[in-house]
Amino acid sequence: MEKFSTWRDPSTGLAPFVYPLPPLSTFQLPRITWILLLPLALFRTLALILLALLFFIVKSLVWVVSIFSVKFHSVIQFYWTSLIARISLYILGFIQLPRDPPFSHRTSSQKLISNTPRPGDLLVSNWSSYVDILYLGYLYNPIFILPVLKDEDNDVKTNEAIIEGFEIKTLLEMIARSGHPPTTTKSKTTKPKTLMDCILESKRSNQPLIVFPEGTTSNNRALLKPAKLTEKSLGKQVRGGVGKVRVFCLAIKHETPTVFKNSITIPIPTTPLNLPHIIQANVIPTILPFPIFLNRSIIVKFPKNNFIEFNSDSSQLRESLDSSFDSISQISKLKITNQINSTHKIGFLNYARSRKS
């Protein structure tokens, strides 16, 4: 790992862009085992591709319904997205998901009390895998937004990344973008949206809003220092405003890799469309027929107060977004890098590719 020491954060000692390695072990599976398991992995991956195509086709057809009723369209879209995402997670080895949804708790009588993000609400989360996208899609059928940075020459000397605006992404686009560096104003041809624009779109389409301040995936061992939100990227209030905005914080953690299961995180993208990583992920869960090796797990954590509510025209909204990542760090027990952020991934990937060529 010393060859990647340039991208190791000095303050935490963590390298957020490299794959986490399993503990050292003398046990190794015979090579013939991998050969026998490859057809199973390819079959599972093919099933995921077919699901993605079916999801895209049906969602495109259902879009026509929105012309007549946005609410009815959002209901169909929610259940369709939830179904496809859950089947996909099952194929990837996530047989069981957390019993209770995020932002919920049980009373002494075991009654479930839940505060589900609603249209116009903002959920802030970390991001380390396409599994995060599937899980959030399964729960909320949200609108995903990613920060667009000012330019790819964001001052590395000051370790500061500036958010110029946001771009809206679909579930499939987010899966394909996992591992890639953030979009910059140099590479984006259309004008990025402000956060207020995105909140209005969330209300219009009847879907909650999910933002990943890191702008790219990490290896789930640390949180990348988020880019700075400015007044320009926050946007101005339109007539009538967007009302009150509830800000939720969610931390997603993945299990440590073992000799039987590789890490499901994807800090480095694979081409095309991250399919090589998906194939590899589908090899590991089928190694042994025992459930202890078959199942993958996902852990979600959230603050006890569930959400913070602000007026959208208040400067407190920007302050809450700035502090939300501190909350995610505290509940997940993941450190935030001090000198490494999403802009450094561009140089990291260029270096990694140069070593392969």
Protein backbone atom coordinates (compact mmCIF):
# COMPACT_ATOMS: atom_id res chain seq x y z
CA MET A 1 0.00 0.00 0.00
CA GLU A 2 3.03 2.30 0.27
CA LYS A 3 2.76 3.08 -3.43
CA PHE A 4 -0.50 4.89 -2.61
CA SER A 5 0.92 6.75 0.40
CA THR A 6 0.32 10.09 -1.35
CA TRP A 7 -3.41 9.48 -0.91
CA ARG A 8 -3.18 8.51 2.74
CA ASP A 9 -4.68 11.15 5.01
CA PRO A 10 -1.94 12.34 7.42
CA SER A 11 -4.35 13.31 10.19
CA THR A 12 -6.10 9.93 10.38
CA GLY A 13 -3.53 7.62 8.79
CA LEU A 14 -6.28 6.19 6.57
CA ALA A 15 -6.23 5.59 2.82
CA PRO A 16 -9.89 5.92 1.74
CA PHE A 17 -9.40 5.07 -1.95
CA VAL A 18 -7.89 1.57 -1.69
CA TYR A 19 -9.80 -1.67 -1.28
CA PRO A 20 -9.88 -2.95 2.32
CA LEU A 21 -8.00 -6.23 2.61
CA PRO A 22 -9.16 -9.33 4.53
CA PRO A 23 -7.19 -10.51 7.56
CA LEU A 24 -4.12 -12.59 6.77
CA SER A 25 -4.91 -16.30 6.56
CA THR A 26 -3.04 -19.43 5.55
CA PHE A 27 -6.24 -20.97 4.21
CA GLN A 28 -6.75 -20.80 0.45
CA LEU A 29 -9.37 -22.39 -1.75
CA PRO A 30 -8.15 -24.61 -4.59
CA ARG A 31 -8.07 -22.83 -7.94
CA ILE A 32 -10.50 -25.32 -9.43
CA THR A 33 -13.09 -24.09 -6.93
CA TRP A 34 -13.00 -20.63 -8.47
CA ILE A 35 -13.38 -22.11 -11.95
CA LEU A 36 -16.47 -24.01 -10.86
CA LEU A 37 -17.96 -20.95 -9.18
CA LEU A 38 -17.43 -18.57 -12.10
CA PRO A 39 -20.47 -19.82 -14.11
CA LEU A 40 -22.66 -19.20 -11.04
CA ALA A 41 -21.28 -15.68 -10.72
CA LEU A 42 -21.89 -14.98 -14.40
CA PHE A 43 -25.44 -16.34 -14.12
CA ARG A 44 -26.18 -14.09 -11.14
CA THR A 45 -24.69 -11.07 -12.89
CA LEU A 46 -26.74 -11.80 -16.02
CA ALA A 47 -29.85 -11.94 -13.83
CA LEU A 48 -28.96 -8.51 -12.43
CA ILE A 49 -28.48 -7.09 -15.94
CA LEU A 50 -31.87 -8.44 -17.02
CA LEU A 51 -33.45 -6.95 -13.89
CA ALA A 52 -31.87 -3.58 -14.72
CA LEU A 53 -33.24 -3.71 -18.27
CA LEU A 54 -36.69 -4.69 -17.04
CA PHE A 55 -36.57 -1.93 -14.43
CA PHE A 56 -35.65 0.67 -17.05
CA ILE A 57 -38.29 -0.44 -19.56
CA VAL A 58 -41.17 -0.59 -17.08
CA LYS A 59 -40.16 2.69 -15.44
CA SER A 60 -40.08 4.38 -18.85
CA LEU A 61 -43.55 3.07 -19.69
CA VAL A 62 -44.97 4.01 -16.29
CA TRP A 63 -43.71 7.56 -16.81
CA VAL A 64 -46.70 8.12 -19.10
CA VAL A 65 -48.94 7.78 -16.02
CA SER A 66 -47.37 10.92 -14.53
CA ILE A 67 -49.08 12.98 -17.24
CA PHE A 68 -52.42 12.16 -15.64
CA SER A 69 -51.50 11.73 -11.95
CA VAL A 70 -48.14 12.44 -10.32
CA LYS A 71 -49.22 10.87 -7.03
CA PHE A 72 -50.40 7.61 -8.65
CA HIS A 73 -47.22 7.50 -10.72
CA SER A 74 -45.06 7.91 -7.60
CA VAL A 75 -46.89 5.04 -5.86
CA ILE A 76 -46.31 2.66 -8.79
CA GLN A 77 -42.72 3.81 -9.10
CA PHE A 78 -42.09 3.31 -5.38
CA TYR A 79 -43.28 -0.31 -5.29
CA TRP A 80 -41.59 -1.19 -8.57
CA THR A 81 -38.25 0.27 -7.45
CA SER A 82 -38.55 -1.40 -4.05
CA LEU A 83 -39.25 -4.81 -5.62
CA ILE A 84 -36.38 -4.71 -8.13
CA ALA A 85 -33.91 -3.32 -5.57
CA ARG A 86 -34.79 -6.01 -3.02
CA ILE A 87 -34.40 -8.84 -5.55
CA SER A 88 -31.05 -7.38 -6.62
CA LEU A 89 -29.83 -7.22 -3.02
CA TYR A 90 -30.89 -10.84 -2.52
CA ILE A 91 -28.91 -11.95 -5.58
CA LEU A 92 -25.86 -10.09 -4.25
CA GLY A 93 -26.04 -12.09 -1.02
CA PHE A 94 -28.04 -9.74 1.22
CA ILE A 95 -30.58 -12.35 2.25
CA GLN A 96 -31.62 -10.41 5.33
CA LEU A 97 -31.75 -6.65 5.80
CA PRO A 98 -32.03 -4.72 9.08
CA ARG A 99 -35.26 -5.65 10.82
CA ASP A 100 -36.47 -2.10 11.37
CA PRO A 101 -36.14 0.71 8.82
CA PRO A 102 -33.92 3.70 9.60
CA PHE A 103 -35.31 6.53 11.75
CA SER A 104 -37.57 4.20 13.70
CA HIS A 105 -37.67 2.75 17.20
CA ARG A 106 -39.80 0.34 19.17
CA THR A 107 -41.71 1.17 22.33
CA SER A 108 -41.80 -1.05 25.41
CA SER A 109 -44.80 -2.82 23.85
CA GLN A 110 -42.75 -3.43 20.66
CA LYS A 111 -44.84 -0.96 18.66
CA LEU A 112 -42.81 0.49 15.79
CA ILE A 113 -42.59 4.29 15.70
CA SER A 114 -41.14 5.57 12.44
CA ASN A 115 -40.19 8.96 10.96
CA THR A 116 -39.86 8.25 7.25
CA PRO A 117 -38.32 10.94 5.00
CA ARG A 118 -41.06 12.59 2.96
CA PRO A 119 -41.02 14.54 -0.31
CA GLY A 120 -39.08 17.75 0.28
CA ASP A 121 -37.00 16.17 3.05
CA LEU A 122 -33.24 15.86 2.70
CA LEU A 123 -31.35 12.72 3.70
CA VAL A 124 -27.56 13.07 4.03
CA SER A 125 -25.57 9.83 3.80
CA ASN A 126 -22.10 8.45 3.25
CA TRP A 127 -21.43 6.42 0.09
CA SER A 128 -19.11 3.47 -0.47
CA SER A 129 -20.94 0.99 -2.73
CA TYR A 130 -23.68 0.50 -5.29
CA VAL A 131 -25.30 -1.58 -2.54
CA ASP A 132 -25.97 1.69 -0.68
CA ILE A 133 -27.89 2.91 -3.74
CA LEU A 134 -29.95 -0.27 -3.97
CA TYR A 135 -30.73 -0.23 -0.26
CA LEU A 136 -31.83 3.42 -0.26
CA GLY A 137 -33.80 2.83 -3.46
CA TYR A 138 -35.52 -0.12 -1.79
CA LEU A 139 -36.48 2.00 1.22
CA TYR A 140 -37.48 5.33 -0.32
CA ASN A 141 -37.40 5.41 -4.15
CA PRO A 142 -35.63 8.77 -3.73
CA ILE A 143 -34.15 11.39 -5.99
CA PHE A 144 -30.35 11.08 -5.79
CA ILE A 145 -28.24 14.22 -6.11
CA LEU A 146 -24.47 14.58 -6.32
CA PRO A 147 -22.43 17.76 -5.84
CA VAL A 148 -20.88 19.34 -8.92
CA LEU A 149 -17.52 20.83 -7.97
CA LYS A 150 -16.26 24.17 -9.17
CA ASP A 151 -13.52 22.69 -11.35
CA GLU A 152 -11.11 19.77 -11.30
CA ASP A 153 -8.33 22.08 -10.17
CA ASN A 154 -9.98 22.67 -6.80
CA ASP A 155 -7.16 23.94 -4.72
CA VAL A 156 -5.37 20.82 -3.54
CA LYS A 157 -2.96 23.02 -1.59
CA THR A 158 -5.78 24.25 0.63
CA ASN A 159 -7.59 20.90 0.51
CA GLU A 160 -10.83 22.72 -0.22
CA ALA A 161 -13.49 21.59 -2.68
CA ILE A 162 -16.25 24.06 -3.58
CA ILE A 163 -19.74 22.95 -4.60
CA GLU A 164 -20.96 24.83 -7.67
CA GLY A 165 -24.33 23.07 -7.71
CA PHE A 166 -25.92 19.63 -7.90
CA GLU A 167 -26.90 17.11 -10.54
CA ILE A 168 -29.85 14.73 -10.32
CA LYS A 169 -29.15 11.05 -10.97
CA THR A 170 -31.37 8.00 -11.37
CA LEU A 171 -30.82 4.76 -9.48
CA LEU A 172 -29.14 3.07 -12.47
CA GLU A 173 -26.94 6.10 -13.11
CA MET A 174 -25.82 6.09 -9.48
CA ILE A 175 -24.87 2.41 -9.68
CA ALA A 176 -22.79 3.08 -12.80
CA ARG A 177 -21.16 6.16 -11.19
CA SER A 178 -20.06 4.31 -8.06
CA GLY A 179 -16.30 4.66 -7.70
CA HIS A 180 -15.95 7.51 -10.20
CA PRO A 181 -14.69 10.97 -9.19
CA PRO A 182 -17.21 13.80 -8.88
CA THR A 183 -18.42 15.84 -11.83
CA THR A 184 -16.83 19.25 -12.26
CA THR A 185 -17.93 22.39 -14.05
CA LYS A 186 -15.26 21.71 -16.67
CA SER A 187 -16.71 18.32 -17.58
CA LYS A 188 -20.41 19.23 -17.24
CA THR A 189 -22.07 20.88 -20.23
CA THR A 190 -25.36 21.82 -18.55
CA LYS A 191 -25.78 24.26 -15.69
CA PRO A 192 -25.91 22.49 -12.31
CA LYS A 193 -29.03 22.84 -10.18
CA THR A 194 -29.14 24.58 -6.83
CA LEU A 195 -30.17 22.72 -3.70
CA MET A 196 -33.44 24.68 -3.67
CA ASP A 197 -34.14 23.53 -7.23
CA CYS A 198 -33.61 19.93 -6.14
CA ILE A 199 -35.91 20.31 -3.11
CA LEU A 200 -38.63 21.73 -5.35
CA GLU A 201 -38.17 18.80 -7.75
CA SER A 202 -38.44 16.45 -4.78
CA LYS A 203 -41.80 17.95 -3.82
CA ARG A 204 -43.04 17.95 -7.40
CA SER A 205 -42.18 14.30 -8.03
CA ASN A 206 -43.34 13.21 -4.56
CA GLN A 207 -39.95 11.66 -3.68
CA PRO A 208 -37.50 12.37 -0.84
CA LEU A 209 -34.06 13.75 -1.66
CA ILE A 210 -30.77 11.97 -0.91
CA VAL A 211 -27.40 13.70 -1.16
CA PHE A 212 -23.89 12.27 -0.82
CA PRO A 213 -21.65 15.18 0.29
CA GLU A 214 -18.49 13.14 -0.30
CA GLY A 215 -19.23 13.24 -4.04
CA THR A 216 -17.63 9.84 -4.62
CA THR A 217 -17.29 6.46 -2.95
CA SER A 218 -14.77 5.59 -0.24
CA ASN A 219 -13.75 2.19 1.12
CA ASN A 220 -16.03 2.57 4.18
CA ARG A 221 -13.01 2.87 6.49
CA ALA A 222 -13.24 6.67 6.64
CA LEU A 223 -15.45 9.56 5.57
CA LEU A 224 -14.11 11.89 2.91
CA LYS A 225 -13.98 15.55 3.81
CA PRO A 226 -17.16 17.00 2.23
CA ALA A 227 -17.05 19.84 -0.25
CA LYS A 228 -18.05 23.33 0.88
CA LEU A 229 -21.63 24.43 0.25
CA THR A 230 -21.91 28.07 -0.86
CA GLU A 231 -24.81 30.51 -1.07
CA LYS A 232 -24.77 30.05 -4.85
CA SER A 233 -25.10 26.27 -4.68
CA LEU A 234 -27.76 26.56 -1.96
CA GLY A 235 -29.89 28.75 -4.23
CA LYS A 236 -32.42 31.47 -3.65
CA GLN A 237 -35.93 31.07 -2.39
CA VAL A 238 -38.64 31.10 -5.03
CA ARG A 239 -41.97 32.78 -4.44
CA GLY A 240 -43.83 30.87 -1.77
CA GLY A 241 -40.65 29.03 -0.77
CA VAL A 242 -40.38 25.32 -0.15
CA GLY A 243 -41.55 25.48 3.45
CA LYS A 244 -39.77 23.67 6.23
CA VAL A 245 -37.04 21.17 5.37
CA ARG A 246 -36.28 18.15 7.53
CA VAL A 247 -32.65 17.00 7.38
CA PHE A 248 -31.93 13.34 8.16
CA CYS A 249 -28.47 11.80 8.73
CA LEU A 250 -27.78 8.16 7.88
CA ALA A 251 -24.57 6.14 8.18
CA ILE A 252 -24.18 2.94 6.15
CA LYS A 253 -21.49 0.47 7.18
CA HIS A 254 -20.38 -2.75 5.53
CA GLU A 255 -18.81 -5.87 6.98
CA THR A 256 -15.07 -6.40 6.99
CA PRO A 257 -13.88 -8.57 4.06
CA THR A 258 -12.81 -12.14 4.73
CA VAL A 259 -11.04 -14.85 2.75
CA PHE A 260 -14.51 -16.04 1.70
CA LYS A 261 -16.09 -12.69 0.88
CA ASN A 262 -14.44 -9.72 -0.78
CA SER A 263 -15.35 -6.19 0.21
CA ILE A 264 -18.60 -5.00 -1.31
CA THR A 265 -17.26 -1.43 -1.27
CA ILE A 266 -16.09 0.03 -4.56
CA PRO A 267 -13.64 2.91 -4.06
CA ILE A 268 -12.18 2.24 -7.54
CA PRO A 269 -14.55 1.96 -10.53
CA THR A 270 -14.42 -0.98 -12.93
CA THR A 271 -15.43 -0.84 -16.56
CA PRO A 272 -17.84 -1.34 -18.12
CA LEU A 273 -20.53 -0.12 -15.70
CA ASN A 274 -18.80 -1.74 -12.69
CA LEU A 275 -19.73 -5.20 -14.02
CA PRO A 276 -16.32 -6.79 -13.17
CA HIS A 277 -16.80 -5.82 -9.52
CA ILE A 278 -20.37 -7.15 -9.55
CA ILE A 279 -19.18 -10.47 -11.02
CA GLN A 280 -16.54 -10.74 -8.30
CA ALA A 281 -19.12 -9.92 -5.64
CA ASN A 282 -21.31 -12.70 -7.01
CA VAL A 283 -18.49 -15.25 -6.88
CA ILE A 284 -17.80 -14.86 -3.18
CA PRO A 285 -21.25 -15.43 -1.64
CA THR A 286 -21.56 -18.78 -3.42
CA ILE A 287 -18.28 -20.27 -2.19
CA LEU A 288 -19.75 -22.50 0.49
CA PRO A 289 -23.30 -23.75 1.05
CA PHE A 290 -23.33 -22.70 4.70
CA PRO A 291 -25.37 -19.60 5.64
CA ILE A 292 -22.50 -18.17 7.72
CA PHE A 293 -20.54 -17.74 4.51
CA LEU A 294 -23.44 -17.10 2.16
CA ASN A 295 -25.03 -14.06 3.75
CA ARG A 296 -23.75 -10.53 3.49
CA SER A 297 -24.85 -7.91 5.95
CA ILE A 298 -25.40 -4.17 6.04
CA ILE A 299 -25.48 -1.95 9.12
CA VAL A 300 -27.35 1.35 9.28
CA LYS A 301 -27.02 3.92 12.05
CA PHE A 302 -28.78 7.21 12.67
CA PRO A 303 -29.04 9.84 15.44
CA LYS A 304 -31.58 9.34 18.20
CA ASN A 305 -33.33 12.61 17.36
CA ASN A 306 -33.89 11.25 13.79
CA PHE A 307 -34.03 14.64 12.04
CA ILE A 308 -33.58 18.39 12.40
CA GLU A 309 -36.16 20.77 10.91
CA PHE A 310 -35.31 24.17 9.47
CA ASN A 311 -36.89 26.91 7.43
CA SER A 312 -35.49 26.59 3.92
CA ASP A 313 -34.82 30.32 3.72
CA SER A 314 -32.66 30.22 6.84
CA SER A 315 -28.87 30.15 6.93
CA GLN A 316 -29.35 27.36 9.47
CA LEU A 317 -30.08 24.98 6.60
CA ARG A 318 -26.56 25.38 5.26
CA GLU A 319 -25.14 25.07 8.75
CA SER A 320 -27.12 21.89 9.32
CA LEU A 321 -25.73 20.34 6.15
CA ASP A 322 -22.22 21.32 7.20
CA SER A 323 -22.71 19.71 10.62
CA SER A 324 -24.63 16.66 9.40
CA PHE A 325 -21.44 14.89 8.36
CA ASP A 326 -20.07 15.34 11.86
CA SER A 327 -23.18 13.53 13.10
CA ILE A 328 -22.60 10.72 10.60
CA SER A 329 -19.00 10.44 11.79
CA GLN A 330 -20.08 10.19 15.42
CA ILE A 331 -22.78 7.54 14.94
CA SER A 332 -20.70 5.44 12.53
CA LYS A 333 -17.42 5.87 14.45
CA LEU A 334 -15.73 6.64 11.13
CA LYS A 335 -13.16 9.45 11.08
CA ILE A 336 -13.44 12.31 8.60
CA THR A 337 -10.29 12.86 6.57
CA ASN A 338 -8.73 16.27 7.05
CA GLN A 339 -6.59 16.59 3.92
CA ILE A 340 -8.10 14.07 1.49
CA ASN A 341 -11.36 14.82 -0.32
CA SER A 342 -13.16 13.75 -3.48
CA THR A 343 -11.02 15.96 -5.73
CA HIS A 344 -7.97 13.83 -4.91
CA LYS A 345 -9.59 10.77 -6.47
CA ILE A 346 -8.92 12.10 -9.98
CA GLY A 347 -5.17 12.02 -9.38
CA PHE A 348 -5.44 8.70 -7.55
CA LEU A 349 -7.24 6.99 -10.45
CA ASN A 350 -4.80 8.45 -12.99
CA TYR A 351 -1.90 7.07 -10.96
CA ALA A 352 -3.58 3.67 -10.55
CA ARG A 353 -4.20 3.43 -14.31
CA SER A 354 -0.62 4.42 -15.12
CA ARG A 355 0.70 1.56 -12.99
CA LYS A 356 -1.49 -0.94 -14.87
CA SER A 357 -0.45 0.29 -18.32
